[in-house]
């Protein structure tokens, strides 16, 4: 069985974010892993681009009103 893919930690490294942030973005985007090997989930390479634009969460910026 060929299990090619990337882990959430590798996704985080490519995006320059924490491992936890990568997992949150993956869950927010509703992306399922390609494979599961024990506690390790492998995702398709395209996941990096899909979650790059997922909202980072947090409080929205205040509008500038005079």
N, C-alpha and C. Protein backbone atom coordinates (compact mmCIF):
# COMPACT_ATOMS: atom_id res chain seq x y z
N UNK A 1 0.85 -1.19 0.00
CA UNK A 1 0.00 0.00 0.00
C UNK A 1 0.89 1.24 0.00
N UNK A 2 0.70 2.07 -0.98
CA UNK A 2 1.48 3.31 -1.09
C UNK A 2 0.80 4.40 -0.29
N UNK A 3 1.45 4.85 0.77
CA UNK A 3 0.85 5.88 1.63
C UNK A 3 1.64 7.17 1.48
N UNK A 4 1.40 7.86 0.38
CA UNK A 4 2.06 9.14 0.19
C UNK A 4 1.12 10.25 0.63
N UNK A 5 1.68 11.27 1.18
CA UNK A 5 0.92 12.40 1.67
C UNK A 5 1.77 13.19 2.64
N UNK A 6 1.17 14.20 3.22
CA UNK A 6 1.91 15.01 4.19
C UNK A 6 1.13 15.09 5.49
N UNK A 7 1.85 15.23 6.58
CA UNK A 7 1.23 15.30 7.90
C UNK A 7 0.84 16.74 8.22
N UNK A 8 0.05 16.91 9.26
CA UNK A 8 -0.35 18.25 9.69
C UNK A 8 0.88 19.07 10.10
N UNK A 9 1.86 18.41 10.67
CA UNK A 9 3.09 19.11 11.08
C UNK A 9 3.83 19.64 9.86
N UNK A 10 3.88 18.85 8.79
CA UNK A 10 4.53 19.29 7.56
C UNK A 10 3.75 20.43 6.90
N UNK A 11 2.44 20.36 6.97
CA UNK A 11 1.60 21.44 6.45
C UNK A 11 1.91 22.72 7.22
N UNK A 12 2.00 22.62 8.55
CA UNK A 12 2.30 23.78 9.38
C UNK A 12 3.64 24.39 9.02
N UNK A 13 4.64 23.55 8.79
CA UNK A 13 5.97 24.05 8.42
C UNK A 13 5.93 24.81 7.09
N UNK A 14 5.19 24.28 6.13
CA UNK A 14 5.10 24.94 4.82
C UNK A 14 4.40 26.29 4.90
N UNK A 15 3.42 26.40 5.80
CA UNK A 15 2.66 27.65 5.92
C UNK A 15 3.27 28.60 6.94
N UNK A 16 4.23 28.13 7.72
CA UNK A 16 4.84 28.98 8.74
C UNK A 16 3.92 29.25 9.91
N UNK A 17 3.10 28.24 10.25
CA UNK A 17 2.17 28.37 11.38
C UNK A 17 2.44 27.22 12.34
N UNK A 18 1.79 27.28 13.50
CA UNK A 18 1.98 26.20 14.48
C UNK A 18 1.22 24.95 14.05
N UNK A 19 1.63 23.83 14.62
CA UNK A 19 0.97 22.55 14.35
C UNK A 19 -0.50 22.63 14.74
N UNK A 20 -0.78 23.22 15.89
CA UNK A 20 -2.16 23.36 16.36
C UNK A 20 -2.99 24.22 15.40
N UNK A 21 -2.43 25.32 14.92
CA UNK A 21 -3.14 26.18 13.97
C UNK A 21 -3.46 25.44 12.69
N UNK A 22 -2.55 24.59 12.23
CA UNK A 22 -2.80 23.81 11.02
C UNK A 22 -3.96 22.86 11.23
N UNK A 23 -4.00 22.20 12.38
CA UNK A 23 -5.08 21.27 12.67
C UNK A 23 -6.42 22.01 12.73
N UNK A 24 -6.44 23.17 13.38
CA UNK A 24 -7.68 23.95 13.47
C UNK A 24 -8.16 24.35 12.08
N UNK A 25 -7.25 24.80 11.22
CA UNK A 25 -7.63 25.21 9.87
C UNK A 25 -8.14 24.02 9.06
N UNK A 26 -7.52 22.87 9.22
CA UNK A 26 -7.97 21.67 8.51
C UNK A 26 -9.38 21.30 8.94
N UNK A 27 -9.63 21.34 10.24
CA UNK A 27 -10.98 21.02 10.75
C UNK A 27 -12.00 22.06 10.30
N UNK A 28 -11.62 23.34 10.32
CA UNK A 28 -12.53 24.41 9.90
C UNK A 28 -12.91 24.25 8.44
N UNK A 29 -11.96 23.84 7.61
CA UNK A 29 -12.22 23.65 6.18
C UNK A 29 -12.97 22.35 5.91
N UNK A 30 -13.11 21.50 6.91
CA UNK A 30 -13.83 20.24 6.75
C UNK A 30 -13.08 19.23 5.89
N UNK A 31 -11.76 19.26 5.95
CA UNK A 31 -10.93 18.38 5.13
C UNK A 31 -10.68 17.08 5.88
N UNK A 32 -10.92 15.97 5.19
CA UNK A 32 -10.68 14.65 5.74
C UNK A 32 -9.29 14.16 5.32
N UNK A 33 -8.63 13.37 6.16
CA UNK A 33 -7.31 12.85 5.78
C UNK A 33 -7.42 11.84 4.64
N UNK A 34 -6.35 11.74 3.90
CA UNK A 34 -6.26 10.79 2.80
C UNK A 34 -6.07 9.38 3.36
N UNK A 35 -5.19 9.25 4.36
CA UNK A 35 -4.91 7.99 5.03
C UNK A 35 -4.77 8.24 6.52
N UNK A 36 -4.94 7.15 7.28
CA UNK A 36 -4.70 7.22 8.71
C UNK A 36 -3.83 6.03 9.09
N UNK A 37 -2.73 6.31 9.76
CA UNK A 37 -1.82 5.26 10.23
C UNK A 37 -1.64 5.46 11.72
N UNK A 38 -2.42 4.77 12.52
CA UNK A 38 -2.37 4.97 13.97
C UNK A 38 -2.89 6.35 14.32
N UNK A 39 -2.06 7.14 15.00
CA UNK A 39 -2.45 8.51 15.34
C UNK A 39 -1.99 9.53 14.30
N UNK A 40 -1.42 9.06 13.22
CA UNK A 40 -0.89 9.96 12.19
C UNK A 40 -1.87 10.02 11.02
N UNK A 41 -2.23 11.24 10.64
CA UNK A 41 -3.11 11.44 9.51
C UNK A 41 -2.29 12.00 8.36
N UNK A 42 -2.49 11.45 7.18
CA UNK A 42 -1.80 11.92 5.99
C UNK A 42 -2.80 12.61 5.07
N UNK A 43 -2.42 13.80 4.62
CA UNK A 43 -3.29 14.60 3.79
C UNK A 43 -2.70 14.74 2.39
N UNK A 44 -3.56 15.03 1.44
CA UNK A 44 -3.12 15.28 0.08
C UNK A 44 -2.34 16.59 0.04
N UNK A 45 -1.41 16.70 -0.90
CA UNK A 45 -0.58 17.91 -1.04
C UNK A 45 -1.42 19.17 -1.27
N UNK A 46 -2.59 19.03 -1.88
CA UNK A 46 -3.42 20.19 -2.21
C UNK A 46 -4.01 20.86 -0.97
N UNK A 47 -3.94 20.19 0.18
CA UNK A 47 -4.48 20.75 1.42
C UNK A 47 -3.78 22.06 1.78
N UNK A 48 -2.50 22.15 1.49
CA UNK A 48 -1.74 23.35 1.83
C UNK A 48 -2.39 24.58 1.20
N UNK A 49 -2.72 24.51 -0.08
CA UNK A 49 -3.35 25.65 -0.75
C UNK A 49 -4.77 25.87 -0.26
N UNK A 50 -5.47 24.80 0.06
CA UNK A 50 -6.86 24.93 0.51
C UNK A 50 -6.97 25.64 1.85
N UNK A 51 -6.06 25.37 2.76
CA UNK A 51 -6.18 25.99 4.09
C UNK A 51 -5.39 27.28 4.22
N UNK A 52 -4.63 27.62 3.21
CA UNK A 52 -3.86 28.87 3.26
C UNK A 52 -4.78 30.07 3.50
N UNK A 53 -5.97 30.04 2.92
CA UNK A 53 -6.89 31.17 3.01
C UNK A 53 -8.01 30.98 4.04
N UNK A 54 -7.97 29.89 4.80
CA UNK A 54 -8.99 29.67 5.82
C UNK A 54 -8.83 30.73 6.90
N UNK A 55 -9.96 31.25 7.38
CA UNK A 55 -9.94 32.30 8.39
C UNK A 55 -9.08 31.89 9.58
N UNK A 56 -8.30 32.81 10.04
CA UNK A 56 -7.42 32.54 11.17
C UNK A 56 -8.15 32.70 12.49
N UNK A 57 -9.41 33.11 12.43
CA UNK A 57 -10.19 33.27 13.65
C UNK A 57 -9.81 34.56 14.36
N UNK A 58 -10.18 34.63 15.60
CA UNK A 58 -9.85 35.81 16.37
C UNK A 58 -10.90 36.90 16.24
N UNK A 59 -10.66 37.96 16.90
CA UNK A 59 -11.60 39.07 16.94
C UNK A 59 -11.50 39.89 15.65
N UNK A 60 -12.64 40.27 15.08
CA UNK A 60 -12.59 41.11 13.86
C UNK A 60 -12.05 42.51 14.18
N UNK A 61 -11.43 43.13 13.21
CA UNK A 61 -10.89 44.47 13.41
C UNK A 61 -12.02 45.48 13.56
N UNK A 62 -11.78 46.51 14.36
CA UNK A 62 -12.77 47.56 14.54
C UNK A 62 -12.84 48.39 13.27
N UNK A 63 -14.05 48.85 12.98
CA UNK A 63 -14.18 49.73 11.82
C UNK A 63 -13.75 51.12 12.24
N UNK A 64 -13.15 51.85 11.29
CA UNK A 64 -12.67 53.19 11.59
C UNK A 64 -13.79 54.19 11.30
N UNK A 65 -14.43 54.64 12.38
CA UNK A 65 -15.49 55.65 12.24
C UNK A 65 -15.05 56.93 12.94
N UNK A 66 -15.41 58.01 12.35
CA UNK A 66 -15.01 59.31 12.92
C UNK A 66 -16.06 59.85 13.84
